[in-house]
C-alpha atoms as a PDB file:
ATOM      1  CA  MET A   1     101.342 115.605 108.394  1.00  0.00           C
ATOM      2  CA  ILE A   2     100.822 118.515 109.339  1.00  0.00           C
ATOM      3  CA  GLY A   3      96.871 119.510 109.286  1.00  0.00           C
ATOM      4  CA  MET A   4      95.591 116.232 109.914  1.00  0.00           C
ATOM      5  CA  ALA A   5      92.781 116.521 113.290  1.00  0.00           C
ATOM      6  CA  THR A   6      94.541 114.165 115.897  1.00  0.00           C
ATOM      7  CA  ARG A   7      92.533 112.497 118.409  1.00  0.00           C
ATOM      8  CA  LYS A   8      94.263 111.147 121.307  1.00  0.00           C
ATOM      9  CA  VAL A   9      93.201 106.912 122.209  1.00  0.00           C
ATOM     10  CA  THR A  10      94.612 104.060 124.055  1.00  0.00           C
ATOM     11  CA  LEU A  11      96.209 101.480 122.249  1.00  0.00           C
ATOM     12  CA  SER A  12      97.552  97.691 123.768  1.00  0.00           C
ATOM     13  CA  LEU A  13     100.477  96.886 122.107  1.00  0.00           C
ATOM     14  CA  ASP A  14     102.534  93.808 122.376  1.00  0.00           C
ATOM     15  CA  ALA A  15     106.228  94.697 123.729  1.00  0.00           C
ATOM     16  CA  SER A  16     107.606  93.909 120.832  1.00  0.00           C
ATOM     17  CA  ALA A  17     106.006  95.506 118.665  1.00  0.00           C
ATOM     18  CA  LEU A  18     105.849  98.570 120.439  1.00  0.00           C
ATOM     19  CA  GLU A  19     110.063  98.991 120.659  1.00  0.00           C
ATOM     20  CA  PHE A  20     109.804  98.480 116.945  1.00  0.00           C
ATOM     21  CA  ALA A  21     107.308 101.238 116.704  1.00  0.00           C
ATOM     22  CA  GLU A  22     110.004 102.903 119.283  1.00  0.00           C
ATOM     23  CA  ARG A  23     113.150 102.316 117.155  1.00  0.00           C
ATOM     24  CA  ALA A  24     111.697 102.212 113.641  1.00  0.00           C
ATOM     25  CA  ALA A  25     110.199 105.985 115.130  1.00  0.00           C
ATOM     26  CA  LYS A  26     113.425 107.544 116.165  1.00  0.00           C
ATOM     27  CA  ALA A  27     115.359 106.005 112.680  1.00  0.00           C
ATOM     28  CA  ASP A  28     112.491 108.270 111.250  1.00  0.00           C
ATOM     29  CA  GLY A  29     113.224 111.078 113.232  1.00  0.00           C
ATOM     30  CA  VAL A  30     109.933 110.991 114.212  1.00  0.00           C
ATOM     31  CA  SER A  31     107.488 110.039 117.271  1.00  0.00           C
ATOM     32  CA  VAL A  32     106.161 107.114 118.194  1.00  0.00           C
ATOM     33  CA  SER A  33     102.243 108.482 117.682  1.00  0.00           C
ATOM     34  CA  SER A  34     103.278 110.010 113.908  1.00  0.00           C
ATOM     35  CA  TRP A  35     104.515 106.876 113.099  1.00  0.00           C
ATOM     36  CA  LEU A  36     102.460 104.139 114.304  1.00  0.00           C
ATOM     37  CA  SER A  37      99.768 107.280 112.704  1.00  0.00           C
ATOM     38  CA  LYS A  38     101.602 106.727 109.303  1.00  0.00           C
ATOM     39  CA  ALA A  39     102.471 102.945 110.093  1.00  0.00           C
ATOM     40  CA  ALA A  40      98.259 102.285 110.442  1.00  0.00           C
ATOM     41  CA  ARG A  41      97.143 103.873 106.627  1.00  0.00           C
ATOM     42  CA  ARG A  42      99.634 102.608 104.729  1.00  0.00           C
ATOM     43  CA  GLU A  43      98.636  98.858 106.046  1.00  0.00           C
ATOM     44  CA  ALA A  44      94.720 100.121 105.549  1.00  0.00           C
ATOM     45  CA  VAL A  45      95.816 100.581 102.009  1.00  0.00           C
ATOM     46  CA  ARG A  46      98.270  97.921 101.988  1.00  0.00           C
ATOM     47  CA  THR A  47      94.814  95.521 102.935  1.00  0.00           C
ATOM     48  CA  GLY A  48      92.561  96.983 100.998  1.00  0.00           C
ATOM     49  CA  TYR A  49      91.330 100.304 102.230  1.00  0.00           C
ATOM     50  CA  ARG A  50      89.733 102.745 100.267  1.00  0.00           C
ATOM     51  CA  PRO A  51      88.952 106.314 102.079  1.00  0.00           C
ATOM     52  CA  THR A  52      85.929 107.614 100.560  1.00  0.00           C
ATOM     53  CA  THR A  53      86.544 111.160 100.663  1.00  0.00           C
ATOM     54  CA  GLU A  54      88.824 113.155  98.420  1.00  0.00           C
ATOM     55  CA  ASP A  55      91.354 114.098 100.276  1.00  0.00           C
ATOM     56  CA  ALA A  56      92.040 111.039 102.168  1.00  0.00           C
ATOM     57  CA  GLN A  57      92.185 109.565  98.817  1.00  0.00           C
ATOM     58  CA  GLY A  58      94.684 112.239  97.993  1.00  0.00           C
ATOM     59  CA  LYS A  59      97.026 110.771 101.304  1.00  0.00           C
ATOM     60  CA  ALA A  60      95.935 107.102  99.982  1.00  0.00           C
ATOM     61  CA  ARG A  61      97.974 106.893  97.034  1.00  0.00           C
ATOM     62  CA  GLY A  62     100.749 108.812  98.411  1.00  0.00           C
ATOM     63  CA  ASP A  63     101.269 106.144 101.027  1.00  0.00           C
ATOM     64  CA  GLU A  64     100.664 103.325  98.038  1.00  0.00           C
ATOM     65  CA  ALA A  65     104.089 105.014  96.706  1.00  0.00           C
ATOM     66  CA  GLU A  66     106.353 105.141  99.503  1.00  0.00           C
ATOM     67  CA  LEU A  67     104.310 101.429 100.271  1.00  0.00           C
ATOM     68  CA  ALA A  68     105.926 100.514  97.376  1.00  0.00           C
ATOM     69  CA  ALA A  69     109.243 102.855  96.552  1.00  0.00           C
ATOM     70  CA  ALA A  70     110.106 100.620 100.454  1.00  0.00           C
ATOM     71  CA  LEU A  71     109.287  97.051  98.577  1.00  0.00           C
ATOM     72  CA  GLU A  72     111.247  97.929  95.304  1.00  0.00           C
ATOM     73  CA  GLU A  73     114.064  98.988  97.591  1.00  0.00           C
ATOM     74  CA  LEU A  74     113.449  95.339  99.771  1.00  0.00           C
ATOM     75  CA  ARG A  75     114.146  93.673  96.779  1.00  0.00           C
ATOM     76  CA  ALA A  76     116.666  95.302  95.351  1.00  0.00           C
ATOM     77  CA  GLN A  77     118.890  94.625  98.802  1.00  0.00           C
ATOM     78  CA  GLY A  78     117.706  90.709  98.246  1.00  0.00           C
END
């Protein structure tokens, strides 16, 4: 996400969640931080969060489209 402001934060994750994130980030060719940021946005949208700013709404629509495509791919795999 080029141009997005970032903040450093400290998070505690269980070991398996971190391992999943590390493997998924590596497979996507992105940093763990980038992957977790994207995953957090996607989960927020999936669970009903709707951003209030126009810029954030555009990103959320992209996340919704990505989520729909991922679900369709999973269904096709059986």
